[in-house]
Amino acid sequence: MRAQIERRWREEKYAVLFYSQRHYNDIRTYLKNPQATMTTLNEQINEAKQQTLTIGGIQNACSHMWGYFKKYATTQEKQTYQQLLATLTLDGYEMRVFLRALANKYDVRYLQQSTILQLN
């Protein structure tokens, strides 16, 4: 069960961060408890996703995901990232499309599996 909980968090952590730094921190603390349950984790994830999106929260989550690429990104990719960061919308859609493309290009499986980059 612990492996399932960790997999669920791995898939959702950037989505939670996208919505709420506080919820992200609370969940990280909760998961240090060996008695953590999937039910409670799912409740906390769902609560986080009910928060009002802010540009600052979206920028923070995108910055964390960008960290996987910044050493490898081309000059053009860096410029595109900066431009998208400066013009973020409240759904962050264009940035998420861009980060998804980079995750695929650089084969970053951790991000490929992140729900925030699932754009269907």
PDB file of N, CA and C in Angstrom:
ATOM      1  N   MET A   1       0.822  -1.193   0.000  1.00  0.00           N
ATOM      2  CA  MET A   1       0.000   0.000   0.000  1.00  0.00           C
ATOM      3  C   MET A   1       0.868   1.260   0.000  1.00  0.00           C
ATOM      4  N   ARG A   2       1.978   1.218   0.712  1.00  0.00           N
ATOM      5  CA  ARG A   2       2.845   2.397   0.768  1.00  0.00           C
ATOM      6  C   ARG A   2       3.349   2.754  -0.627  1.00  0.00           C
ATOM      7  N   ALA A   3       3.691   1.762  -1.417  1.00  0.00           N
ATOM      8  CA  ALA A   3       4.170   2.029  -2.779  1.00  0.00           C
ATOM      9  C   ALA A   3       3.085   2.703  -3.614  1.00  0.00           C
ATOM     10  N   GLN A   4       1.836   2.308  -3.417  1.00  0.00           N
ATOM     11  CA  GLN A   4       0.728   2.929  -4.151  1.00  0.00           C
ATOM     12  C   GLN A   4       0.535   4.382  -3.724  1.00  0.00           C
ATOM     13  N   ILE A   5       0.669   4.632  -2.442  1.00  0.00           N
ATOM     14  CA  ILE A   5       0.556   5.998  -1.923  1.00  0.00           C
ATOM     15  C   ILE A   5       1.662   6.865  -2.517  1.00  0.00           C
ATOM     16  N   GLU A   6       2.881   6.351  -2.515  1.00  0.00           N
ATOM     17  CA  GLU A   6       4.006   7.115  -3.058  1.00  0.00           C
ATOM     18  C   GLU A   6       3.851   7.353  -4.558  1.00  0.00           C
ATOM     19  N   ARG A   7       3.335   6.366  -5.277  1.00  0.00           N
ATOM     20  CA  ARG A   7       3.105   6.544  -6.713  1.00  0.00           C
ATOM     21  C   ARG A   7       2.045   7.616  -6.954  1.00  0.00           C
ATOM     22  N   ARG A   8       0.979   7.558  -6.175  1.00  0.00           N
ATOM     23  CA  ARG A   8      -0.094   8.557  -6.311  1.00  0.00           C
ATOM     24  C   ARG A   8       0.449   9.962  -6.060  1.00  0.00           C
ATOM     25  N   TRP A   9       1.249  10.128  -5.030  1.00  0.00           N
ATOM     26  CA  TRP A   9       1.826  11.439  -4.719  1.00  0.00           C
ATOM     27  C   TRP A   9       2.775  11.883  -5.829  1.00  0.00           C
ATOM     28  N   ARG A  10       3.569  10.976  -6.317  1.00  0.00           N
ATOM     29  CA  ARG A  10       4.500  11.294  -7.407  1.00  0.00           C
ATOM     30  C   ARG A  10       3.735  11.835  -8.619  1.00  0.00           C
ATOM     31  N   GLU A  11       2.601  11.252  -8.922  1.00  0.00           N
ATOM     32  CA  GLU A  11       1.800  11.673 -10.074  1.00  0.00           C
ATOM     33  C   GLU A  11       1.080  12.996  -9.831  1.00  0.00           C
ATOM     34  N   GLU A  12       0.767  13.294  -8.585  1.00  0.00           N
ATOM     35  CA  GLU A  12      -0.067  14.461  -8.270  1.00  0.00           C
ATOM     36  C   GLU A  12       0.673  15.649  -7.666  1.00  0.00           C
ATOM     37  N   LYS A  13       1.922  15.468  -7.259  1.00  0.00           N
ATOM     38  CA  LYS A  13       2.572  16.516  -6.467  1.00  0.00           C
ATOM     39  C   LYS A  13       2.644  17.857  -7.179  1.00  0.00           C
ATOM     40  N   TYR A  14       2.936  17.874  -8.480  1.00  0.00           N
ATOM     41  CA  TYR A  14       3.022  19.161  -9.173  1.00  0.00           C
ATOM     42  C   TYR A  14       1.648  19.749  -9.437  1.00  0.00           C
ATOM     43  N   ALA A  15       0.636  18.925  -9.560  1.00  0.00           N
ATOM     44  CA  ALA A  15      -0.734  19.440  -9.669  1.00  0.00           C
ATOM     45  C   ALA A  15      -1.133  20.117  -8.363  1.00  0.00           C
ATOM     46  N   VAL A  16      -0.804  19.488  -7.242  1.00  0.00           N
ATOM     47  CA  VAL A  16      -1.096  20.090  -5.943  1.00  0.00           C
ATOM     48  C   VAL A  16      -0.336  21.401  -5.805  1.00  0.00           C
ATOM     49  N   LEU A  17       0.940  21.401  -6.134  1.00  0.00           N
ATOM     50  CA  LEU A  17       1.748  22.615  -6.037  1.00  0.00           C
ATOM     51  C   LEU A  17       1.193  23.715  -6.939  1.00  0.00           C
ATOM     52  N   PHE A  18       0.692  23.354  -8.093  1.00  0.00           N
ATOM     53  CA  PHE A  18       0.071  24.280  -9.044  1.00  0.00           C
ATOM     54  C   PHE A  18      -1.051  25.070  -8.363  1.00  0.00           C
ATOM     55  N   TYR A  19      -1.812  24.387  -7.506  1.00  0.00           N
ATOM     56  CA  TYR A  19      -2.951  25.002  -6.828  1.00  0.00           C
ATOM     57  C   TYR A  19      -2.601  25.624  -5.485  1.00  0.00           C
ATOM     58  N   SER A  20      -1.696  24.996  -4.730  1.00  0.00           N
ATOM     59  CA  SER A  20      -1.509  25.457  -3.354  1.00  0.00           C
ATOM     60  C   SER A  20      -0.194  24.965  -2.748  1.00  0.00           C
ATOM     61  N   GLN A  21       0.703  25.897  -2.485  1.00  0.00           N
ATOM     62  CA  GLN A  21       1.959  25.579  -1.804  1.00  0.00           C
ATOM     63  C   GLN A  21       1.678  25.039  -0.401  1.00  0.00           C
ATOM     64  N   ARG A  22       0.697  25.619   0.282  1.00  0.00           N
ATOM     65  CA  ARG A  22       0.383  25.180   1.644  1.00  0.00           C
ATOM     66  C   ARG A  22      -0.080  23.724   1.655  1.00  0.00           C
ATOM     67  N   HIS A  23      -0.964  23.369   0.751  1.00  0.00           N
ATOM     68  CA  HIS A  23      -1.434  21.982   0.685  1.00  0.00           C
ATOM     69  C   HIS A  23      -0.287  21.037   0.309  1.00  0.00           C
ATOM     70  N   TYR A  24       0.549  21.471  -0.594  1.00  0.00           N
ATOM     71  CA  TYR A  24       1.723  20.683  -0.982  1.00  0.00           C
ATOM     72  C   TYR A  24       2.577  20.386   0.255  1.00  0.00           C
ATOM     73  N   ASN A  25       2.861  21.419   1.038  1.00  0.00           N
ATOM     74  CA  ASN A  25       3.672  21.238   2.245  1.00  0.00           C
ATOM     75  C   ASN A  25       2.966  20.349   3.262  1.00  0.00           C
ATOM     76  N   ASP A  26       1.659  20.560   3.426  1.00  0.00           N
ATOM     77  CA  ASP A  26       0.895  19.745   4.380  1.00  0.00           C
ATOM     78  C   ASP A  26       0.911  18.268   3.986  1.00  0.00           C
ATOM     79  N   ILE A  27       0.760  17.994   2.708  1.00  0.00           N
ATOM     80  CA  ILE A  27       0.763  16.598   2.251  1.00  0.00           C
ATOM     81  C   ILE A  27       2.144  15.983   2.433  1.00  0.00           C
ATOM     82  N   ARG A  28       3.175  16.729   2.120  1.00  0.00           N
ATOM     83  CA  ARG A  28       4.535  16.203   2.329  1.00  0.00           C
ATOM     84  C   ARG A  28       4.744  15.831   3.791  1.00  0.00           C
ATOM     85  N   THR A  29       4.291  16.680   4.690  1.00  0.00           N
ATOM     86  CA  THR A  29       4.405  16.391   6.118  1.00  0.00           C
ATOM     87  C   THR A  29       3.569  15.165   6.481  1.00  0.00           C
ATOM     88  N   TYR A  30       2.349  15.109   5.988  1.00  0.00           N
ATOM     89  CA  TYR A  30       1.463  13.971   6.270  1.00  0.00           C
ATOM     90  C   TYR A  30       2.094  12.656   5.820  1.00  0.00           C
ATOM     91  N   LEU A  31       2.733  12.654   4.674  1.00  0.00           N
ATOM     92  CA  LEU A  31       3.288  11.412   4.129  1.00  0.00           C
ATOM     93  C   LEU A  31       4.507  10.904   4.907  1.00  0.00           C
ATOM     94  N   LYS A  32       5.033  11.706   5.802  1.00  0.00           N
ATOM     95  CA  LYS A  32       6.112  11.229   6.676  1.00  0.00           C
ATOM     96  C   LYS A  32       5.566  10.283   7.738  1.00  0.00           C
ATOM     97  N   ASN A  33       4.256  10.308   7.933  1.00  0.00           N
ATOM     98  CA  ASN A  33       3.588   9.434   8.888  1.00  0.00           C
ATOM     99  C   ASN A  33       3.474   8.034   8.277  1.00  0.00           C
ATOM    100  N   PRO A  34       4.038   7.016   8.919  1.00  0.00           N
ATOM    101  CA  PRO A  34       3.950   5.659   8.363  1.00  0.00           C
ATOM    102  C   PRO A  34       2.516   5.125   8.309  1.00  0.00           C
ATOM    103  N   GLN A  35       1.595   5.773   9.011  1.00  0.00           N
ATOM    104  CA  GLN A  35       0.189   5.353   9.009  1.00  0.00           C
ATOM    105  C   GLN A  35      -0.634   6.093   7.951  1.00  0.00           C
ATOM    106  N   ALA A  36       0.013   6.823   7.074  1.00  0.00           N
ATOM    107  CA  ALA A  36      -0.695   7.566   6.026  1.00  0.00           C
ATOM    108  C   ALA A  36      -1.530   6.609   5.183  1.00  0.00           C
ATOM    109  N   THR A  37      -2.715   7.066   4.800  1.00  0.00           N
ATOM    110  CA  THR A  37      -3.612   6.223   4.006  1.00  0.00           C
ATOM    111  C   THR A  37      -3.890   6.868   2.652  1.00  0.00           C
ATOM    112  N   MET A  38      -4.243   6.026   1.691  1.00  0.00           N
ATOM    113  CA  MET A  38      -4.601   6.505   0.360  1.00  0.00           C
ATOM    114  C   MET A  38      -5.857   7.370   0.424  1.00  0.00           C
ATOM    115  N   THR A  39      -6.794   6.991   1.273  1.00  0.00           N
ATOM    116  CA  THR A  39      -8.041   7.750   1.392  1.00  0.00           C
ATOM    117  C   THR A  39      -7.767   9.183   1.820  1.00  0.00           C
ATOM    118  N   THR A  40      -6.966   9.340   2.853  1.00  0.00           N
ATOM    119  CA  THR A  40      -6.654  10.684   3.338  1.00  0.00           C
ATOM    120  C   THR A  40      -5.832  11.448   2.310  1.00  0.00           C
ATOM    121  N   LEU A  41      -4.882  10.788   1.682  1.00  0.00           N
ATOM    122  CA  LEU A  41      -4.093  11.450   0.642  1.00  0.00           C
ATOM    123  C   LEU A  41      -5.005  11.962  -0.467  1.00  0.00           C
ATOM    124  N   ASN A  42      -5.912  11.124  -0.932  1.00  0.00           N
ATOM    125  CA  ASN A  42      -6.837  11.541  -1.994  1.00  0.00           C
ATOM    126  C   ASN A  42      -7.706  12.711  -1.556  1.00  0.00           C
ATOM    127  N   GLU A  43      -8.151  12.695  -0.312  1.00  0.00           N
ATOM    128  CA  GLU A  43      -8.946  13.812   0.209  1.00  0.00           C
ATOM    129  C   GLU A  43      -8.129  15.099   0.195  1.00  0.00           C
ATOM    130  N   GLN A  44      -6.870  15.014   0.612  1.00  0.00           N
ATOM    131  CA  GLN A  44      -6.018  16.199   0.643  1.00  0.00           C
ATOM    132  C   GLN A  44      -5.716  16.704  -0.768  1.00  0.00           C
ATOM    133  N   ILE A  45      -5.489  15.801  -1.693  1.00  0.00           N
ATOM    134  CA  ILE A  45      -5.246  16.188  -3.087  1.00  0.00           C
ATOM    135  C   ILE A  45      -6.481  16.884  -3.650  1.00  0.00           C
ATOM    136  N   ASN A  46      -7.642  16.303  -3.416  1.00  0.00           N
ATOM    137  CA  ASN A  46      -8.886  16.895  -3.917  1.00  0.00           C
ATOM    138  C   ASN A  46      -9.140  18.265  -3.305  1.00  0.00           C
ATOM    139  N   GLU A  47      -8.852  18.406  -2.022  1.00  0.00           N
ATOM    140  CA  GLU A  47      -9.011  19.706  -1.365  1.00  0.00           C
ATOM    141  C   GLU A  47      -8.071  20.737  -1.992  1.00  0.00           C
ATOM    142  N   ALA A  48      -6.843  20.338  -2.243  1.00  0.00           N
ATOM    143  CA  ALA A  48      -5.880  21.261  -2.859  1.00  0.00           C
ATOM    144  C   ALA A  48      -6.380  21.741  -4.211  1.00  0.00           C
ATOM    145  N   LYS A  49      -6.949  20.837  -4.973  1.00  0.00           N
ATOM    146  CA  LYS A  49      -7.412  21.181  -6.323  1.00  0.00           C
ATOM    147  C   LYS A  49      -8.679  22.027  -6.325  1.00  0.00           C
ATOM    148  N   GLN A  50      -9.243  22.254  -5.158  1.00  0.00           N
ATOM    149  CA  GLN A  50     -10.399  23.146  -5.043  1.00  0.00           C
ATOM    150  C   GLN A  50      -9.977  24.584  -4.751  1.00  0.00           C
ATOM    151  N   GLN A  51      -8.692  24.792  -4.515  1.00  0.00           N
ATOM    152  CA  GLN A  51      -8.209  26.133  -4.206  1.00  0.00           C
ATOM    153  C   GLN A  51      -8.236  27.002  -5.463  1.00  0.00           C
ATOM    154  N   THR A  52      -8.337  28.290  -5.255  1.00  0.00           N
ATOM    155  CA  THR A  52      -8.320  29.238  -6.365  1.00  0.00           C
ATOM    156  C   THR A  52      -6.907  29.343  -6.912  1.00  0.00           C
ATOM    157  N   LEU A  53      -6.783  29.178  -8.204  1.00  0.00           N
ATOM    158  CA  LEU A  53      -5.468  29.296  -8.836  1.00  0.00           C
ATOM    159  C   LEU A  53      -4.971  30.735  -8.766  1.00  0.00           C
ATOM    160  N   THR A  54      -3.657  30.872  -8.602  1.00  0.00           N
ATOM    161  CA  THR A  54      -3.020  32.189  -8.650  1.00  0.00           C
ATOM    162  C   THR A  54      -1.842  32.109  -9.609  1.00  0.00           C
ATOM    163  N   ILE A  55      -1.513  33.225 -10.209  1.00  0.00           N
ATOM    164  CA  ILE A  55      -0.353  33.261 -11.100  1.00  0.00           C
ATOM    165  C   ILE A  55       0.904  32.860 -10.330  1.00  0.00           C
ATOM    166  N   GLY A  56       1.042  33.329  -9.095  1.00  0.00           N
ATOM    167  CA  GLY A  56       2.214  32.983  -8.293  1.00  0.00           C
ATOM    168  C   GLY A  56       2.338  31.493  -8.051  1.00  0.00           C
ATOM    169  N   GLY A  57       1.236  30.842  -7.756  1.00  0.00           N
ATOM    170  CA  GLY A  57       1.254  29.396  -7.544  1.00  0.00           C
ATOM    171  C   GLY A  57       1.607  28.636  -8.804  1.00  0.00           C
ATOM    172  N   ILE A  58       1.057  29.089  -9.912  1.00  0.00           N
ATOM    173  CA  ILE A  58       1.352  28.449 -11.192  1.00  0.00           C
ATOM    174  C   ILE A  58       2.819  28.651 -11.550  1.00  0.00           C
ATOM    175  N   GLN A  59       3.321  29.873 -11.351  1.00  0.00           N
ATOM    176  CA  GLN A  59       4.736  30.148 -11.625  1.00  0.00           C
ATOM    177  C   GLN A  59       5.633  29.257 -10.778  1.00  0.00           C
ATOM    178  N   ASN A  60       5.285  29.094  -9.512  1.00  0.00           N
ATOM    179  CA  ASN A  60       6.079  28.273  -8.608  1.00  0.00           C
ATOM    180  C   ASN A  60       6.141  26.826  -9.092  1.00  0.00           C
ATOM    181  N   ALA A  61       4.998  26.253  -9.421  1.00  0.00           N
ATOM    182  CA  ALA A  61       4.967  24.865  -9.892  1.00  0.00           C
ATOM    183  C   ALA A  61       5.739  24.718 -11.198  1.00  0.00           C
ATOM    184  N   CYS A  62       5.561  25.660 -12.099  1.00  0.00           N
ATOM    185  CA  CYS A  62       6.262  25.596 -13.389  1.00  0.00           C
ATOM    186  C   CYS A  62       7.767  25.730 -13.198  1.00  0.00           C
ATOM    187  N   SER A  63       8.165  26.576 -12.272  1.00  0.00           N
ATOM    188  CA  SER A  63       9.590  26.734 -11.972  1.00  0.00           C
ATOM    189  C   SER A  63      10.194  25.432 -11.459  1.00  0.00           C
ATOM    190  N   HIS A  64       9.457  24.738 -10.610  1.00  0.00           N
ATOM    191  CA  HIS A  64       9.933  23.440 -10.104  1.00  0.00           C
ATOM    192  C   HIS A  64      10.089  22.437 -11.249  1.00  0.00           C
ATOM    193  N   MET A  65       9.118  22.402 -12.144  1.00  0.00           N
ATOM    194  CA  MET A  65       9.204  21.468 -13.271  1.00  0.00           C
ATOM    195  C   MET A  65      10.306  21.880 -14.233  1.00  0.00           C
ATOM    196  N   TRP A  66      10.482  23.173 -14.448  1.00  0.00           N
ATOM    197  CA  TRP A  66      11.536  23.679 -15.330  1.00  0.00           C
ATOM    198  C   TRP A  66      12.911  23.237 -14.834  1.00  0.00           C
ATOM    199  N   GLY A  67      13.052  23.077 -13.533  1.00  0.00           N
ATOM    200  CA  GLY A  67      14.326  22.656 -12.958  1.00  0.00           C
ATOM    201  C   GLY A  67      14.867  21.363 -13.550  1.00  0.00           C
ATOM    202  N   TYR A  68      13.997  20.519 -14.063  1.00  0.00           N
ATOM    203  CA  TYR A  68      14.440  19.275 -14.695  1.00  0.00           C
ATOM    204  C   TYR A  68      15.143  19.526 -16.028  1.00  0.00           C
ATOM    205  N   PHE A  69      14.927  20.694 -16.623  1.00  0.00           N
ATOM    206  CA  PHE A  69      15.421  20.951 -17.979  1.00  0.00           C
ATOM    207  C   PHE A  69      16.453  22.059 -18.082  1.00  0.00           C
ATOM    208  N   LYS A  70      16.526  22.939 -17.099  1.00  0.00           N
ATOM    209  CA  LYS A  70      17.275  24.176 -17.293  1.00  0.00           C
ATOM    210  C   LYS A  70      18.740  23.959 -17.657  1.00  0.00           C
ATOM    211  N   LYS A  71      19.342  22.877 -17.234  1.00  0.00           N
ATOM    212  CA  LYS A  71      20.747  22.619 -17.588  1.00  0.00           C
ATOM    213  C   LYS A  71      20.902  22.096 -19.010  1.00  0.00           C
ATOM    214  N   TYR A  72      19.835  21.518 -19.555  1.00  0.00           N
ATOM    215  CA  TYR A  72      19.912  20.878 -20.868  1.00  0.00           C
ATOM    216  C   TYR A  72      19.220  21.666 -21.968  1.00  0.00           C
ATOM    217  N   ALA A  73      18.377  22.592 -21.572  1.00  0.00           N
ATOM    218  CA  ALA A  73      17.558  23.318 -22.544  1.00  0.00           C
ATOM    219  C   ALA A  73      18.425  24.155 -23.478  1.00  0.00           C
ATOM    220  N   THR A  74      17.958  24.262 -24.709  1.00  0.00           N
ATOM    221  CA  THR A  74      18.631  25.114 -25.690  1.00  0.00           C
ATOM    222  C   THR A  74      18.350  26.576 -25.350  1.00  0.00           C
ATOM    223  N   THR A  75      19.090  27.453 -25.975  1.00  0.00           N
ATOM    224  CA  THR A  75      18.859  28.883 -25.788  1.00  0.00           C
ATOM    225  C   THR A  75      17.425  29.238 -26.162  1.00  0.00           C
ATOM    226  N   GLN A  76      16.943  28.687 -27.260  1.00  0.00           N
ATOM    227  CA  GLN A  76      15.566  28.955 -27.691  1.00  0.00           C
ATOM    228  C   GLN A  76      14.556  28.449 -26.666  1.00  0.00           C
ATOM    229  N   GLU A  77      14.793  27.276 -26.100  1.00  0.00           N
ATOM    230  CA  GLU A  77      13.882  26.738 -25.087  1.00  0.00           C
ATOM    231  C   GLU A  77      13.875  27.616 -23.837  1.00  0.00           C
ATOM    232  N   LYS A  78      15.041  28.105 -23.460  1.00  0.00           N
ATOM    233  CA  LYS A  78      15.121  29.003 -22.300  1.00  0.00           C
ATOM    234  C   LYS A  78      14.355  30.291 -22.561  1.00  0.00           C
ATOM    235  N   GLN A  79      14.494  30.828 -23.759  1.00  0.00           N
ATOM    236  CA  GLN A  79      13.764  32.047 -24.117  1.00  0.00           C
ATOM    237  C   GLN A  79      12.257  31.796 -24.133  1.00  0.00           C
ATOM    238  N   THR A  80      11.862  30.677 -24.675  1.00  0.00           N
ATOM    239  CA  THR A  80      10.436  30.333 -24.711  1.00  0.00           C
ATOM    240  C   THR A  80       9.891  30.195 -23.297  1.00  0.00           C
ATOM    241  N   TYR A  81      10.645  29.533 -22.433  1.00  0.00           N
ATOM    242  CA  TYR A  81      10.211  29.380 -21.046  1.00  0.00           C
ATOM    243  C   TYR A  81      10.008  30.751 -20.398  1.00  0.00           C
ATOM    244  N   GLN A  82      10.981  31.639 -20.555  1.00  0.00           N
ATOM    245  CA  GLN A  82      10.876  32.972 -19.948  1.00  0.00           C
ATOM    246  C   GLN A  82       9.676  33.745 -20.500  1.00  0.00           C
ATOM    247  N   GLN A  83       9.454  33.633 -21.795  1.00  0.00           N
ATOM    248  CA  GLN A  83       8.320  34.320 -22.416  1.00  0.00           C
ATOM    249  C   GLN A  83       6.995  33.762 -21.882  1.00  0.00           C
ATOM    250  N   LEU A  84       6.893  32.451 -21.809  1.00  0.00           N
ATOM    251  CA  LEU A  84       5.667  31.836 -21.300  1.00  0.00           C
ATOM    252  C   LEU A  84       5.448  32.167 -19.827  1.00  0.00           C
ATOM    253  N   LEU A  85       6.525  32.216 -19.067  1.00  0.00           N
ATOM    254  CA  LEU A  85       6.425  32.555 -17.651  1.00  0.00           C
ATOM    255  C   LEU A  85       5.896  33.977 -17.477  1.00  0.00           C
ATOM    256  N   ALA A  86       6.353  34.870 -18.335  1.00  0.00           N
ATOM    257  CA  ALA A  86       5.940  36.277 -18.246  1.00  0.00           C
ATOM    258  C   ALA A  86       4.497  36.496 -18.690  1.00  0.00           C
ATOM    259  N   THR A  87       3.953  35.558 -19.443  1.00  0.00           N
ATOM    260  CA  THR A  87       2.602  35.741 -19.993  1.00  0.00           C
ATOM    261  C   THR A  87       1.645  34.630 -19.548  1.00  0.00           C
ATOM    262  N   LEU A  88       1.909  34.056 -18.389  1.00  0.00           N
ATOM    263  CA  LEU A  88       1.070  32.958 -17.885  1.00  0.00           C
ATOM    264  C   LEU A  88      -0.395  33.356 -17.777  1.00  0.00           C
ATOM    265  N   THR A  89      -1.245  32.411 -18.084  1.00  0.00           N
ATOM    266  CA  THR A  89      -2.677  32.572 -17.857  1.00  0.00           C
ATOM    267  C   THR A  89      -3.062  31.731 -16.645  1.00  0.00           C
ATOM    268  N   LEU A  90      -4.284  31.901 -16.176  1.00  0.00           N
ATOM    269  CA  LEU A  90      -4.704  31.201 -14.960  1.00  0.00           C
ATOM    270  C   LEU A  90      -4.944  29.712 -15.130  1.00  0.00           C
ATOM    271  N   ASP A  91      -4.772  29.193 -16.314  1.00  0.00           N
ATOM    272  CA  ASP A  91      -4.780  27.733 -16.450  1.00  0.00           C
ATOM    273  C   ASP A  91      -3.381  27.219 -16.787  1.00  0.00           C
ATOM    274  N   GLY A  92      -2.480  28.141 -17.110  1.00  0.00           N
ATOM    275  CA  GLY A  92      -1.109  27.757 -17.426  1.00  0.00           C
ATOM    276  C   GLY A  92      -1.002  26.814 -18.609  1.00  0.00           C
ATOM    277  N   TYR A  93      -2.009  26.808 -19.453  1.00  0.00           N
ATOM    278  CA  TYR A  93      -2.087  25.789 -20.503  1.00  0.00           C
ATOM    279  C   TYR A  93      -0.883  25.801 -21.444  1.00  0.00           C
ATOM    280  N   GLU A  94      -0.542  26.955 -21.989  1.00  0.00           N
ATOM    281  CA  GLU A  94       0.578  27.006 -22.940  1.00  0.00           C
ATOM    282  C   GLU A  94       1.879  26.555 -22.288  1.00  0.00           C
ATOM    283  N   MET A  95       2.085  26.952 -21.043  1.00  0.00           N
ATOM    284  CA  MET A  95       3.292  26.535 -20.321  1.00  0.00           C
ATOM    285  C   MET A  95       3.270  25.022 -20.105  1.00  0.00           C
ATOM    286  N   ARG A  96       2.132  24.475 -19.769  1.00  0.00           N
ATOM    287  CA  ARG A  96       2.041  23.030 -19.549  1.00  0.00           C
ATOM    288  C   ARG A  96       2.284  22.259 -20.841  1.00  0.00           C
ATOM    289  N   VAL A  97       1.793  22.777 -21.951  1.00  0.00           N
ATOM    290  CA  VAL A  97       2.066  22.149 -23.253  1.00  0.00           C
ATOM    291  C   VAL A  97       3.568  22.154 -23.513  1.00  0.00           C
ATOM    292  N   PHE A  98       4.201  23.282 -23.251  1.00  0.00           N
ATOM    293  CA  PHE A  98       5.642  23.425 -23.462  1.00  0.00           C
ATOM    294  C   PHE A  98       6.427  22.470 -22.555  1.00  0.00           C
ATOM    295  N   LEU A  99       6.085  22.439 -21.272  1.00  0.00           N
ATOM    296  CA  LEU A  99       6.794  21.557 -20.337  1.00  0.00           C
ATOM    297  C   LEU A  99       6.571  20.088 -20.684  1.00  0.00           C
ATOM    298  N   ARG A 100       5.384  19.765 -21.141  1.00  0.00           N
ATOM    299  CA  ARG A 100       5.102  18.388 -21.579  1.00  0.00           C
ATOM    300  C   ARG A 100       5.989  18.020 -22.768  1.00  0.00           C
ATOM    301  N   ALA A 101       6.129  18.943 -23.712  1.00  0.00           N
ATOM    302  CA  ALA A 101       6.982  18.693 -24.881  1.00  0.00           C
ATOM    303  C   ALA A 101       8.433  18.485 -24.448  1.00  0.00           C
ATOM    304  N   LEU A 102       8.896  19.280 -23.491  1.00  0.00           N
ATOM    305  CA  LEU A 102      10.269  19.105 -22.998  1.00  0.00           C
ATOM    306  C   LEU A 102      10.418  17.779 -22.255  1.00  0.00           C
ATOM    307  N   ALA A 103       9.423  17.407 -21.468  1.00  0.00           N
ATOM    308  CA  ALA A 103       9.472  16.124 -20.755  1.00  0.00           C
ATOM    309  C   ALA A 103       9.598  14.976 -21.746  1.00  0.00           C
ATOM    310  N   ASN A 104       8.901  15.085 -22.856  1.00  0.00           N
ATOM    311  CA  ASN A 104       8.994  14.054 -23.892  1.00  0.00           C
ATOM    312  C   ASN A 104      10.338  14.118 -24.611  1.00  0.00           C
ATOM    313  N   LYS A 105      10.777  15.309 -24.962  1.00  0.00           N
ATOM    314  CA  LYS A 105      12.044  15.468 -25.681  1.00  0.00           C
ATOM    315  C   LYS A 105      13.215  14.927 -24.862  1.00  0.00           C
ATOM    316  N   TYR A 106      13.249  15.287 -23.579  1.00  0.00           N
ATOM    317  CA  TYR A 106      14.366  14.893 -22.720  1.00  0.00           C
ATOM    318  C   TYR A 106      14.072  13.610 -21.935  1.00  0.00           C
ATOM    319  N   ASP A 107      12.955  12.975 -22.234  1.00  0.00           N
ATOM    320  CA  ASP A 107      12.559  11.700 -21.631  1.00  0.00           C
ATOM    321  C   ASP A 107      12.600  11.737 -20.097  1.00  0.00           C
ATOM    322  N   VAL A 108      11.931  12.736 -19.537  1.00  0.00           N
ATOM    323  CA  VAL A 108      11.839  12.864 -18.083  1.00  0.00           C
ATOM    324  C   VAL A 108      10.546  12.172 -17.647  1.00  0.00           C
ATOM    325  N   ARG A 109      10.668  10.891 -17.346  1.00  0.00           N
ATOM    326  CA  ARG A 109       9.497  10.065 -17.047  1.00  0.00           C
ATOM    327  C   ARG A 109       8.720  10.571 -15.832  1.00  0.00           C
ATOM    328  N   TYR A 110       9.440  11.088 -14.864  1.00  0.00           N
ATOM    329  CA  TYR A 110       8.776  11.602 -13.664  1.00  0.00           C
ATOM    330  C   TYR A 110       7.737  12.654 -14.047  1.00  0.00           C
ATOM    331  N   LEU A 111       8.104  13.548 -14.945  1.00  0.00           N
ATOM    332  CA  LEU A 111       7.168  14.582 -15.381  1.00  0.00           C
ATOM    333  C   LEU A 111       6.166  14.051 -16.402  1.00  0.00           C
ATOM    334  N   GLN A 112       6.579  13.119 -17.215  1.00  0.00           N
ATOM    335  CA  GLN A 112       5.645  12.530 -18.176  1.00  0.00           C
ATOM    336  C   GLN A 112       4.458  11.891 -17.458  1.00  0.00           C
ATOM    337  N   GLN A 113       4.695  11.412 -16.252  1.00  0.00           N
ATOM    338  CA  GLN A 113       3.647  10.744 -15.477  1.00  0.00           C
ATOM    339  C   GLN A 113       2.865  11.702 -14.579  1.00  0.00           C
ATOM    340  N   SER A 114       3.272  12.962 -14.553  1.00  0.00           N
ATOM    341  CA  SER A 114       2.612  13.946 -13.706  1.00  0.00           C
ATOM    342  C   SER A 114       1.255  14.337 -14.286  1.00  0.00           C
ATOM    343  N   THR A 115       0.235  14.309 -13.450  1.00  0.00           N
ATOM    344  CA  THR A 115      -1.115  14.605 -13.940  1.00  0.00           C
ATOM    345  C   THR A 115      -1.256  16.035 -14.441  1.00  0.00           C
ATOM    346  N   ILE A 116      -0.486  16.959 -13.929  1.00  0.00           N
ATOM    347  CA  ILE A 116      -0.619  18.355 -14.359  1.00  0.00           C
ATOM    348  C   ILE A 116      -0.202  18.526 -15.820  1.00  0.00           C
ATOM    349  N   LEU A 117       0.598  17.606 -16.324  1.00  0.00           N
ATOM    350  CA  LEU A 117       1.030  17.685 -17.720  1.00  0.00           C
ATOM    351  C   LEU A 117       0.220  16.768 -18.634  1.00  0.00           C
ATOM    352  N   GLN A 118      -0.787  16.121 -18.090  1.00  0.00           N
ATOM    353  CA  GLN A 118      -1.721  15.342 -18.916  1.00  0.00           C
ATOM    354  C   GLN A 118      -2.759  16.324 -19.432  1.00  0.00           C
ATOM    355  N   LEU A 119      -2.743  16.577 -20.709  1.00  0.00           N
ATOM    356  CA  LEU A 119      -3.511  17.695 -21.258  1.00  0.00           C
ATOM    357  C   LEU A 119      -4.779  17.273 -21.974  1.00  0.00           C
ATOM    358  N   ASN A 120      -5.205  16.070 -21.797  1.00  0.00           N
ATOM    359  CA  ASN A 120      -6.420  15.584 -22.471  1.00  0.00           C
ATOM    360  C   ASN A 120      -7.670  16.171 -21.872  1.00  0.00           C
TER     361      ASN A 120
END
